[in-house]
């Protein structure tokens, strides 16, 4: 269910990195990811200060970077709150399906030349040097995490709505609310499946690693830190339950409809027989 494309076609083409100079970050920088909507149109956003085209990353604010993912996430690196608002305002007309409540996640990245790229429990993300590739990998991990958090909440809401419905059906042997309620549950299930069908494929490695395979270990640690693989597996299991529930409700509704059709047919047959007997009786007299 979540094996669709990430932010590009995921072919063997490496990400395009520009030679624009990086901002002069200090030893510690804040990275914040915000899920703003279903999609962001990045066409035509390339600028003279573009750092990467896949994903689209460019300099922003006085001394920071903005990374824009087409699946609805903007990651801000080293920006103040006011600068972040400026970036989001500039993208407002490119956001499709904007969310009223935005999912957010932040992390602290610390430069330490004496450490390997690692993430200690409860600590910051340590990197040996500030490079665009390392920062993009952190951006990828945070972007995937906020998307998963949003999708997990959507699926959990549908399951919460379905659970009392299923209990009533099991205990009383009938559907509460009738046909309209069944259709509503089916619609909720299908809506969640549709929204998640075009989401990020967390299982796929970022394009950045085509150029820098030596950073595979860093990205593996990021995936472990945010439990991306485990969360995808759990979400897929819940989506299977949602899909099975929708199918079961559809079958139940079709069965009830077929039963009414059969009863109507039996009534028409009985009525026809009754009319025939009545006409025979009238003819006899």
C-alpha atoms as a PDB file:
ATOM      1  CA  UNK A   1       0.000   0.000   0.000  1.00  0.00           C
ATOM      2  CA  UNK A   2       2.893   2.320   0.718  1.00  0.00           C
ATOM      3  CA  UNK A   3       5.125   1.092  -2.091  1.00  0.00           C
ATOM      4  CA  UNK A   4       4.436   4.104  -4.338  1.00  0.00           C
ATOM      5  CA  UNK A   5       6.904   6.681  -5.511  1.00  0.00           C
ATOM      6  CA  UNK A   6       8.772   8.921  -3.099  1.00  0.00           C
ATOM      7  CA  UNK A   7       9.536  12.354  -4.488  1.00  0.00           C
ATOM      8  CA  UNK A   8      10.774  11.316  -7.897  1.00  0.00           C
ATOM      9  CA  UNK A   9      10.484   8.414 -10.305  1.00  0.00           C
ATOM     10  CA  UNK A  10      13.000   6.400  -8.199  1.00  0.00           C
ATOM     11  CA  UNK A  11      14.949   5.324 -11.232  1.00  0.00           C
ATOM     12  CA  UNK A  12      18.703   4.878 -11.165  1.00  0.00           C
ATOM     13  CA  UNK A  13      19.308   8.550 -11.831  1.00  0.00           C
ATOM     14  CA  UNK A  14      21.183  10.304  -9.005  1.00  0.00           C
ATOM     15  CA  UNK A  15      19.923  13.492  -7.392  1.00  0.00           C
ATOM     16  CA  UNK A  16      21.166  16.683  -8.994  1.00  0.00           C
ATOM     17  CA  UNK A  17      23.360  18.680  -6.617  1.00  0.00           C
ATOM     18  CA  UNK A  18      24.322  22.264  -7.285  1.00  0.00           C
ATOM     19  CA  UNK A  19      27.588  23.943  -6.439  1.00  0.00           C
ATOM     20  CA  UNK A  20      26.007  26.863  -4.557  1.00  0.00           C
ATOM     21  CA  UNK A  21      27.830  27.479  -1.302  1.00  0.00           C
ATOM     22  CA  UNK A  22      26.122  26.212   1.859  1.00  0.00           C
ATOM     23  CA  UNK A  23      25.141  28.638   4.618  1.00  0.00           C
ATOM     24  CA  UNK A  24      27.661  28.993   7.426  1.00  0.00           C
ATOM     25  CA  UNK A  25      25.965  26.836  10.054  1.00  0.00           C
ATOM     26  CA  UNK A  26      27.319  26.735  13.588  1.00  0.00           C
ATOM     27  CA  UNK A  27      28.067  23.612  15.595  1.00  0.00           C
ATOM     28  CA  UNK A  28      24.375  23.052  16.287  1.00  0.00           C
ATOM     29  CA  UNK A  29      21.447  23.564  13.908  1.00  0.00           C
ATOM     30  CA  UNK A  30      17.718  22.943  14.209  1.00  0.00           C
ATOM     31  CA  UNK A  31      15.902  20.975  11.517  1.00  0.00           C
ATOM     32  CA  UNK A  32      12.103  21.146  11.452  1.00  0.00           C
ATOM     33  CA  UNK A  33       9.721  19.271   9.153  1.00  0.00           C
ATOM     34  CA  UNK A  34       6.125  20.417   8.583  1.00  0.00           C
ATOM     35  CA  UNK A  35       3.447  18.498   6.686  1.00  0.00           C
ATOM     36  CA  UNK A  36       1.447  21.300   5.069  1.00  0.00           C
ATOM     37  CA  UNK A  37      -0.825  19.432   2.639  1.00  0.00           C
ATOM     38  CA  UNK A  38      -1.381  16.517   0.288  1.00  0.00           C
ATOM     39  CA  UNK A  39       0.900  17.814  -2.455  1.00  0.00           C
ATOM     40  CA  UNK A  40       3.232  20.705  -3.256  1.00  0.00           C
ATOM     41  CA  UNK A  41       3.754  21.804  -6.847  1.00  0.00           C
ATOM     42  CA  UNK A  42       7.521  22.281  -7.181  1.00  0.00           C
ATOM     43  CA  UNK A  43       7.519  22.949 -10.924  1.00  0.00           C
ATOM     44  CA  UNK A  44       9.224  26.233 -11.694  1.00  0.00           C
ATOM     45  CA  UNK A  45      10.556  26.707  -8.169  1.00  0.00           C
ATOM     46  CA  UNK A  46      14.185  26.384  -9.237  1.00  0.00           C
ATOM     47  CA  UNK A  47      16.188  29.458  -8.293  1.00  0.00           C
ATOM     48  CA  UNK A  48      19.706  30.766  -8.646  1.00  0.00           C
ATOM     49  CA  UNK A  49      20.465  29.643  -5.091  1.00  0.00           C
ATOM     50  CA  UNK A  50      19.103  26.126  -5.595  1.00  0.00           C
ATOM     51  CA  UNK A  51      21.242  23.535  -3.824  1.00  0.00           C
ATOM     52  CA  UNK A  52      19.497  20.358  -5.025  1.00  0.00           C
ATOM     53  CA  UNK A  53      16.774  19.509  -7.512  1.00  0.00           C
ATOM     54  CA  UNK A  54      15.779  16.103  -6.070  1.00  0.00           C
ATOM     55  CA  UNK A  55      14.563  16.926  -3.544  1.00  0.00           C
ATOM     56  CA  UNK A  56      14.258  20.639  -4.212  1.00  0.00           C
ATOM     57  CA  UNK A  57      16.482  22.483  -1.717  1.00  0.00           C
ATOM     58  CA  UNK A  58      17.420  26.146  -1.760  1.00  0.00           C
ATOM     59  CA  UNK A  59      18.856  28.778   0.532  1.00  0.00           C
ATOM     60  CA  UNK A  60      16.297  30.561   2.668  1.00  0.00           C
ATOM     61  CA  UNK A  61      16.343  33.280   5.269  1.00  0.00           C
ATOM     62  CA  UNK A  62      19.566  34.905   6.381  1.00  0.00           C
ATOM     63  CA  UNK A  63      21.465  31.673   6.931  1.00  0.00           C
ATOM     64  CA  UNK A  64      19.354  28.592   6.320  1.00  0.00           C
ATOM     65  CA  UNK A  65      17.989  26.025   3.860  1.00  0.00           C
ATOM     66  CA  UNK A  66      14.469  25.005   2.855  1.00  0.00           C
ATOM     67  CA  UNK A  67      13.808  21.540   1.429  1.00  0.00           C
ATOM     68  CA  UNK A  68      10.492  21.013  -0.389  1.00  0.00           C
ATOM     69  CA  UNK A  69       9.068  17.535  -0.963  1.00  0.00           C
ATOM     70  CA  UNK A  70       6.271  17.078  -3.477  1.00  0.00           C
ATOM     71  CA  UNK A  71       4.328  14.828  -1.106  1.00  0.00           C
ATOM     72  CA  UNK A  72       3.452  17.839   1.057  1.00  0.00           C
ATOM     73  CA  UNK A  73       6.398  18.342   3.417  1.00  0.00           C
ATOM     74  CA  UNK A  74       8.629  21.375   3.885  1.00  0.00           C
ATOM     75  CA  UNK A  75      11.811  20.942   5.929  1.00  0.00           C
ATOM     76  CA  UNK A  76      13.493  24.043   7.317  1.00  0.00           C
ATOM     77  CA  UNK A  77      17.137  23.912   8.344  1.00  0.00           C
ATOM     78  CA  UNK A  78      18.620  26.664  10.503  1.00  0.00           C
ATOM     79  CA  UNK A  79      15.699  29.076  10.051  1.00  0.00           C
ATOM     80  CA  UNK A  80      14.063  31.318  12.623  1.00  0.00           C
ATOM     81  CA  UNK A  81      10.312  31.138  13.233  1.00  0.00           C
ATOM     82  CA  UNK A  82       9.789  34.315  11.219  1.00  0.00           C
ATOM     83  CA  UNK A  83      11.884  32.979   8.323  1.00  0.00           C
ATOM     84  CA  UNK A  84       9.935  29.717   8.370  1.00  0.00           C
ATOM     85  CA  UNK A  85       6.669  31.647   8.084  1.00  0.00           C
ATOM     86  CA  UNK A  86       8.114  33.499   5.089  1.00  0.00           C
ATOM     87  CA  UNK A  87       8.990  30.242   3.319  1.00  0.00           C
ATOM     88  CA  UNK A  88       5.540  28.757   3.966  1.00  0.00           C
ATOM     89  CA  UNK A  89       3.830  31.945   2.790  1.00  0.00           C
ATOM     90  CA  UNK A  90       5.811  31.818  -0.450  1.00  0.00           C
ATOM     91  CA  UNK A  91       4.626  28.240  -1.047  1.00  0.00           C
ATOM     92  CA  UNK A  92       0.998  28.822  -0.080  1.00  0.00           C
ATOM     93  CA  UNK A  93      -0.370  28.989  -3.625  1.00  0.00           C
ATOM     94  CA  UNK A  94       1.498  25.780  -4.535  1.00  0.00           C
ATOM     95  CA  UNK A  95       0.000  23.660  -1.753  1.00  0.00           C
ATOM     96  CA  UNK A  96      -2.875  21.342  -2.696  1.00  0.00           C
ATOM     97  CA  UNK A  97      -5.130  19.886  -0.031  1.00  0.00           C
ATOM     98  CA  UNK A  98      -3.744  22.113   2.728  1.00  0.00           C
ATOM     99  CA  UNK A  99      -4.196  20.752   6.259  1.00  0.00           C
ATOM    100  CA  UNK A 100      -5.829  22.866   8.956  1.00  0.00           C
ATOM    101  CA  UNK A 101      -3.737  21.061  11.576  1.00  0.00           C
ATOM    102  CA  UNK A 102      -0.136  20.542  10.504  1.00  0.00           C
ATOM    103  CA  UNK A 103       2.039  17.664  11.610  1.00  0.00           C
ATOM    104  CA  UNK A 104       5.478  18.830  12.770  1.00  0.00           C
ATOM    105  CA  UNK A 105       8.705  17.246  13.959  1.00  0.00           C
ATOM    106  CA  UNK A 106      12.069  18.757  14.762  1.00  0.00           C
ATOM    107  CA  UNK A 107      15.571  17.529  15.509  1.00  0.00           C
ATOM    108  CA  UNK A 108      18.876  18.983  16.612  1.00  0.00           C
ATOM    109  CA  UNK A 109      21.901  18.331  14.421  1.00  0.00           C
ATOM    110  CA  UNK A 110      25.305  18.795  16.038  1.00  0.00           C
ATOM    111  CA  UNK A 111      28.648  18.890  14.265  1.00  0.00           C
ATOM    112  CA  UNK A 112      31.371  16.906  15.997  1.00  0.00           C
ATOM    113  CA  UNK A 113      34.476  15.975  14.043  1.00  0.00           C
ATOM    114  CA  UNK A 114      35.538  13.527  16.768  1.00  0.00           C
ATOM    115  CA  UNK A 115      32.413  11.387  16.393  1.00  0.00           C
ATOM    116  CA  UNK A 116      31.096   9.256  13.604  1.00  0.00           C
ATOM    117  CA  UNK A 117      27.720  10.063  12.084  1.00  0.00           C
ATOM    118  CA  UNK A 118      25.520   8.671  14.814  1.00  0.00           C
ATOM    119  CA  UNK A 119      22.411   9.232  16.919  1.00  0.00           C
ATOM    120  CA  UNK A 120      22.788   8.423  20.637  1.00  0.00           C
ATOM    121  CA  UNK A 121      19.592   7.589  22.590  1.00  0.00           C
ATOM    122  CA  UNK A 122      17.840  10.810  23.548  1.00  0.00           C
ATOM    123  CA  UNK A 123      20.614  12.921  22.064  1.00  0.00           C
ATOM    124  CA  UNK A 124      21.098  15.049  18.977  1.00  0.00           C
ATOM    125  CA  UNK A 125      22.012  13.798  15.521  1.00  0.00           C
ATOM    126  CA  UNK A 126      25.802  13.905  15.353  1.00  0.00           C
ATOM    127  CA  UNK A 127      27.458  14.468  11.994  1.00  0.00           C
ATOM    128  CA  UNK A 128      31.173  14.702  11.292  1.00  0.00           C
ATOM    129  CA  UNK A 129      30.825  17.607   8.875  1.00  0.00           C
ATOM    130  CA  UNK A 130      28.118  19.881   7.512  1.00  0.00           C
ATOM    131  CA  UNK A 131      27.494  18.686   3.976  1.00  0.00           C
ATOM    132  CA  UNK A 132      24.420  19.041   1.808  1.00  0.00           C
ATOM    133  CA  UNK A 133      24.056  15.270   1.492  1.00  0.00           C
ATOM    134  CA  UNK A 134      23.978  14.748   5.267  1.00  0.00           C
ATOM    135  CA  UNK A 135      21.451  17.518   5.771  1.00  0.00           C
ATOM    136  CA  UNK A 136      19.226  16.128   3.009  1.00  0.00           C
ATOM    137  CA  UNK A 137      19.267  12.682   4.604  1.00  0.00           C
ATOM    138  CA  UNK A 138      18.120  14.201   7.886  1.00  0.00           C
ATOM    139  CA  UNK A 139      15.417  16.087   5.954  1.00  0.00           C
ATOM    140  CA  UNK A 140      14.264  12.859   4.285  1.00  0.00           C
ATOM    141  CA  UNK A 141      13.982  11.051   7.627  1.00  0.00           C
ATOM    142  CA  UNK A 142      11.990  13.847   9.271  1.00  0.00           C
ATOM    143  CA  UNK A 143       9.744  14.251   6.204  1.00  0.00           C
ATOM    144  CA  UNK A 144       8.944  10.537   6.189  1.00  0.00           C
ATOM    145  CA  UNK A 145       8.286  10.631   9.942  1.00  0.00           C
ATOM    146  CA  UNK A 146       5.702  13.451   9.802  1.00  0.00           C
ATOM    147  CA  UNK A 147       3.912  11.827   6.862  1.00  0.00           C
ATOM    148  CA  UNK A 148       3.711   8.541   8.752  1.00  0.00           C
ATOM    149  CA  UNK A 149       2.456  10.305  11.890  1.00  0.00           C
ATOM    150  CA  UNK A 150      -0.362  11.924   9.913  1.00  0.00           C
ATOM    151  CA  UNK A 151      -1.302   8.684   8.148  1.00  0.00           C
ATOM    152  CA  UNK A 152      -1.192   6.716  11.401  1.00  0.00           C
ATOM    153  CA  UNK A 153      -3.677   9.128  12.937  1.00  0.00           C
ATOM    154  CA  UNK A 154      -5.994   8.869   9.895  1.00  0.00           C
ATOM    155  CA  UNK A 155      -6.012   5.083   9.988  1.00  0.00           C
ATOM    156  CA  UNK A 156      -6.469   5.018  13.768  1.00  0.00           C
ATOM    157  CA  UNK A 157      -9.511   7.288  13.456  1.00  0.00           C
ATOM    158  CA  UNK A 158     -11.165   4.979  10.909  1.00  0.00           C
ATOM    159  CA  UNK A 159     -10.443   1.929  13.075  1.00  0.00           C
ATOM    160  CA  UNK A 160     -11.924   3.669  16.118  1.00  0.00           C
ATOM    161  CA  UNK A 161     -15.106   4.364  14.166  1.00  0.00           C
ATOM    162  CA  UNK A 162     -15.293   0.795  12.895  1.00  0.00           C
ATOM    163  CA  UNK A 163     -14.720  -0.984  16.212  1.00  0.00           C
ATOM    164  CA  UNK A 164     -18.090  -0.205  17.901  1.00  0.00           C
ATOM    165  CA  UNK A 165     -19.852  -0.917  14.616  1.00  0.00           C
ATOM    166  CA  UNK A 166     -18.231  -4.363  14.432  1.00  0.00           C
ATOM    167  CA  UNK A 167     -19.023  -5.065  18.118  1.00  0.00           C
ATOM    168  CA  UNK A 168     -22.709  -4.313  17.629  1.00  0.00           C
ATOM    169  CA  UNK A 169     -22.795  -6.530  14.552  1.00  0.00           C
ATOM    170  CA  UNK A 170     -21.126  -9.377  16.477  1.00  0.00           C
ATOM    171  CA  UNK A 171     -23.329  -9.082  19.581  1.00  0.00           C
ATOM    172  CA  UNK A 172     -26.724  -8.359  18.011  1.00  0.00           C
ATOM    173  CA  UNK A 173     -26.303  -9.876  14.569  1.00  0.00           C
ATOM    174  CA  UNK A 174     -27.493  -6.768  12.786  1.00  0.00           C
ATOM    175  CA  UNK A 175     -25.964  -3.563  11.487  1.00  0.00           C
ATOM    176  CA  UNK A 176     -26.601  -0.415  13.539  1.00  0.00           C
ATOM    177  CA  UNK A 177     -28.024   2.492  11.577  1.00  0.00           C
ATOM    178  CA  UNK A 178     -28.805   0.625   8.382  1.00  0.00           C
ATOM    179  CA  UNK A 179     -27.612   1.241   4.852  1.00  0.00           C
ATOM    180  CA  UNK A 180     -26.547   4.888   5.351  1.00  0.00           C
ATOM    181  CA  UNK A 181     -24.217   4.027   8.215  1.00  0.00           C
ATOM    182  CA  UNK A 182     -22.683   1.161   6.235  1.00  0.00           C
ATOM    183  CA  UNK A 183     -22.041   3.460   3.281  1.00  0.00           C
ATOM    184  CA  UNK A 184     -20.428   6.011   5.603  1.00  0.00           C
ATOM    185  CA  UNK A 185     -18.013   3.417   7.011  1.00  0.00           C
ATOM    186  CA  UNK A 186     -17.154   2.200   3.517  1.00  0.00           C
ATOM    187  CA  UNK A 187     -16.574   5.775   2.369  1.00  0.00           C
ATOM    188  CA  UNK A 188     -14.242   6.525   5.309  1.00  0.00           C
ATOM    189  CA  UNK A 189     -12.227   3.392   4.636  1.00  0.00           C
ATOM    190  CA  UNK A 190     -11.923   4.098   0.911  1.00  0.00           C
ATOM    191  CA  UNK A 191     -10.986   7.738   1.569  1.00  0.00           C
ATOM    192  CA  UNK A 192      -8.074   6.729   3.796  1.00  0.00           C
ATOM    193  CA  UNK A 193      -6.880   4.162   1.272  1.00  0.00           C
ATOM    194  CA  UNK A 194      -7.057   6.732  -1.530  1.00  0.00           C
ATOM    195  CA  UNK A 195      -5.111   9.359   0.407  1.00  0.00           C
ATOM    196  CA  UNK A 196      -2.386   6.917   1.368  1.00  0.00           C
ATOM    197  CA  UNK A 197      -2.043   5.367  -2.091  1.00  0.00           C
ATOM    198  CA  UNK A 198       0.083   8.293  -3.326  1.00  0.00           C
ATOM    199  CA  UNK A 199       2.178   8.702  -0.233  1.00  0.00           C
ATOM    200  CA  UNK A 200       5.900   8.481   0.357  1.00  0.00           C
ATOM    201  CA  UNK A 201       7.614   5.101  -0.042  1.00  0.00           C
ATOM    202  CA  UNK A 202       9.650   4.980   3.150  1.00  0.00           C
ATOM    203  CA  UNK A 203      11.171   1.634   2.254  1.00  0.00           C
ATOM    204  CA  UNK A 204      13.049   3.208  -0.668  1.00  0.00           C
ATOM    205  CA  UNK A 205      16.436   4.848  -0.162  1.00  0.00           C
ATOM    206  CA  UNK A 206      16.777   8.559  -1.017  1.00  0.00           C
ATOM    207  CA  UNK A 207      18.336   9.582  -4.323  1.00  0.00           C
ATOM    208  CA  UNK A 208      21.154  11.226  -2.351  1.00  0.00           C
ATOM    209  CA  UNK A 209      22.674   7.822  -1.642  1.00  0.00           C
ATOM    210  CA  UNK A 210      23.284   7.224  -5.347  1.00  0.00           C
ATOM    211  CA  UNK A 211      26.021   9.859  -5.144  1.00  0.00           C
ATOM    212  CA  UNK A 212      27.123   9.096  -1.576  1.00  0.00           C
ATOM    213  CA  UNK A 213      26.829   5.395  -0.796  1.00  0.00           C
ATOM    214  CA  UNK A 214      29.232   5.988   2.093  1.00  0.00           C
ATOM    215  CA  UNK A 215      26.344   7.692   3.928  1.00  0.00           C
ATOM    216  CA  UNK A 216      24.207   4.557   3.954  1.00  0.00           C
ATOM    217  CA  UNK A 217      25.091   3.955   7.586  1.00  0.00           C
ATOM    218  CA  UNK A 218      23.896   7.424   8.602  1.00  0.00           C
ATOM    219  CA  UNK A 219      20.567   6.964   6.861  1.00  0.00           C
ATOM    220  CA  UNK A 220      20.140   3.491   8.363  1.00  0.00           C
ATOM    221  CA  UNK A 221      20.628   5.018  11.799  1.00  0.00           C
ATOM    222  CA  UNK A 222      18.106   7.737  11.007  1.00  0.00           C
ATOM    223  CA  UNK A 223      15.559   5.120   9.916  1.00  0.00           C
ATOM    224  CA  UNK A 224      16.159   3.199  13.145  1.00  0.00           C
ATOM    225  CA  UNK A 225      15.894   6.341  15.277  1.00  0.00           C
ATOM    226  CA  UNK A 226      12.489   7.252  13.845  1.00  0.00           C
ATOM    227  CA  UNK A 227      11.422   3.590  13.493  1.00  0.00           C
ATOM    228  CA  UNK A 228      10.403   4.219   9.894  1.00  0.00           C
ATOM    229  CA  UNK A 229      10.407   0.604   8.720  1.00  0.00           C
ATOM    230  CA  UNK A 230       8.475  -0.611  11.774  1.00  0.00           C
ATOM    231  CA  UNK A 231       5.893   2.148  11.430  1.00  0.00           C
ATOM    232  CA  UNK A 232       5.376   1.374   7.740  1.00  0.00           C
ATOM    233  CA  UNK A 233       4.838  -2.295   8.555  1.00  0.00           C
ATOM    234  CA  UNK A 234       2.328  -1.432  11.286  1.00  0.00           C
ATOM    235  CA  UNK A 235       0.518   1.014   9.034  1.00  0.00           C
ATOM    236  CA  UNK A 236       0.275  -1.560   6.251  1.00  0.00           C
ATOM    237  CA  UNK A 237      -1.259  -4.063   8.671  1.00  0.00           C
ATOM    238  CA  UNK A 238      -3.860  -1.515   9.756  1.00  0.00           C
ATOM    239  CA  UNK A 239      -4.583  -0.605   6.142  1.00  0.00           C
ATOM    240  CA  UNK A 240      -5.226  -4.277   5.439  1.00  0.00           C
ATOM    241  CA  UNK A 241      -7.766  -4.310   8.266  1.00  0.00           C
ATOM    242  CA  UNK A 242      -9.395  -1.175   6.848  1.00  0.00           C
ATOM    243  CA  UNK A 243      -9.552  -2.718   3.368  1.00  0.00           C
ATOM    244  CA  UNK A 244     -10.973  -5.990   4.713  1.00  0.00           C
ATOM    245  CA  UNK A 245     -13.549  -4.058   6.738  1.00  0.00           C
ATOM    246  CA  UNK A 246     -14.667  -2.090   3.688  1.00  0.00           C
ATOM    247  CA  UNK A 247     -14.981  -5.308   1.690  1.00  0.00           C
ATOM    248  CA  UNK A 248     -16.918  -7.037   4.460  1.00  0.00           C
ATOM    249  CA  UNK A 249     -19.339  -4.125   4.783  1.00  0.00           C
ATOM    250  CA  UNK A 250     -19.806  -4.056   1.015  1.00  0.00           C
ATOM    251  CA  UNK A 251     -20.563  -7.788   0.965  1.00  0.00           C
ATOM    252  CA  UNK A 252     -22.967  -7.363   3.877  1.00  0.00           C
ATOM    253  CA  UNK A 253     -24.819  -4.560   2.139  1.00  0.00           C
ATOM    254  CA  UNK A 254     -25.017  -6.558  -1.108  1.00  0.00           C
ATOM    255  CA  UNK A 255     -26.330  -9.575   0.807  1.00  0.00           C
ATOM    256  CA  UNK A 256     -29.041  -7.500   2.466  1.00  0.00           C
ATOM    257  CA  UNK A 257     -30.021  -6.011  -0.879  1.00  0.00           C
ATOM    258  CA  UNK A 258     -30.132  -9.456  -2.510  1.00  0.00           C
ATOM    259  CA  UNK A 259     -32.360 -10.694   0.340  1.00  0.00           C
ATOM    260  CA  UNK A 260     -34.837  -7.876  -0.205  1.00  0.00           C
ATOM    261  CA  UNK A 261     -34.863  -8.555  -3.942  1.00  0.00           C
ATOM    262  CA  UNK A 262     -35.613 -12.234  -3.310  1.00  0.00           C
ATOM    263  CA  UNK A 263     -38.417 -11.339  -0.913  1.00  0.00           C
ATOM    264  CA  UNK A 264     -39.871  -8.946  -3.467  1.00  0.00           C
ATOM    265  CA  UNK A 265     -39.744 -11.644  -6.135  1.00  0.00           C
ATOM    266  CA  UNK A 266     -41.482 -14.130  -3.813  1.00  0.00           C
ATOM    267  CA  UNK A 267     -44.153 -11.544  -3.049  1.00  0.00           C
ATOM    268  CA  UNK A 268     -44.748 -10.901  -6.761  1.00  0.00           C
ATOM    269  CA  UNK A 269     -44.974 -14.628  -7.447  1.00  0.00           C
ATOM    270  CA  UNK A 270     -47.432 -15.090  -4.586  1.00  0.00           C
ATOM    271  CA  UNK A 271     -49.441 -12.088  -5.752  1.00  0.00           C
ATOM    272  CA  UNK A 272     -49.549 -13.461  -9.309  1.00  0.00           C
ATOM    273  CA  UNK A 273     -50.695 -16.855  -8.068  1.00  0.00           C
ATOM    274  CA  UNK A 274     -53.330 -15.177  -5.939  1.00  0.00           C
ATOM    275  CA  UNK A 275     -54.629 -13.181  -8.920  1.00  0.00           C
ATOM    276  CA  UNK A 276     -54.741 -16.380 -11.005  1.00  0.00           C
ATOM    277  CA  UNK A 277     -56.745 -18.247  -8.358  1.00  0.00           C
ATOM    278  CA  UNK A 278     -59.075 -15.263  -7.963  1.00  0.00           C
ATOM    279  CA  UNK A 279     -59.725 -15.172 -11.726  1.00  0.00           C
ATOM    280  CA  UNK A 280     -60.356 -18.948 -11.735  1.00  0.00           C
ATOM    281  CA  UNK A 281     -62.777 -18.526  -8.873  1.00  0.00           C
ATOM    282  CA  UNK A 282     -64.597 -15.695 -10.636  1.00  0.00           C
ATOM    283  CA  UNK A 283     -64.749 -17.771 -13.806  1.00  0.00           C
ATOM    284  CA  UNK A 284     -66.291 -20.671 -11.959  1.00  0.00           C
ATOM    285  CA  UNK A 285     -69.242 -18.520 -10.981  1.00  0.00           C
END
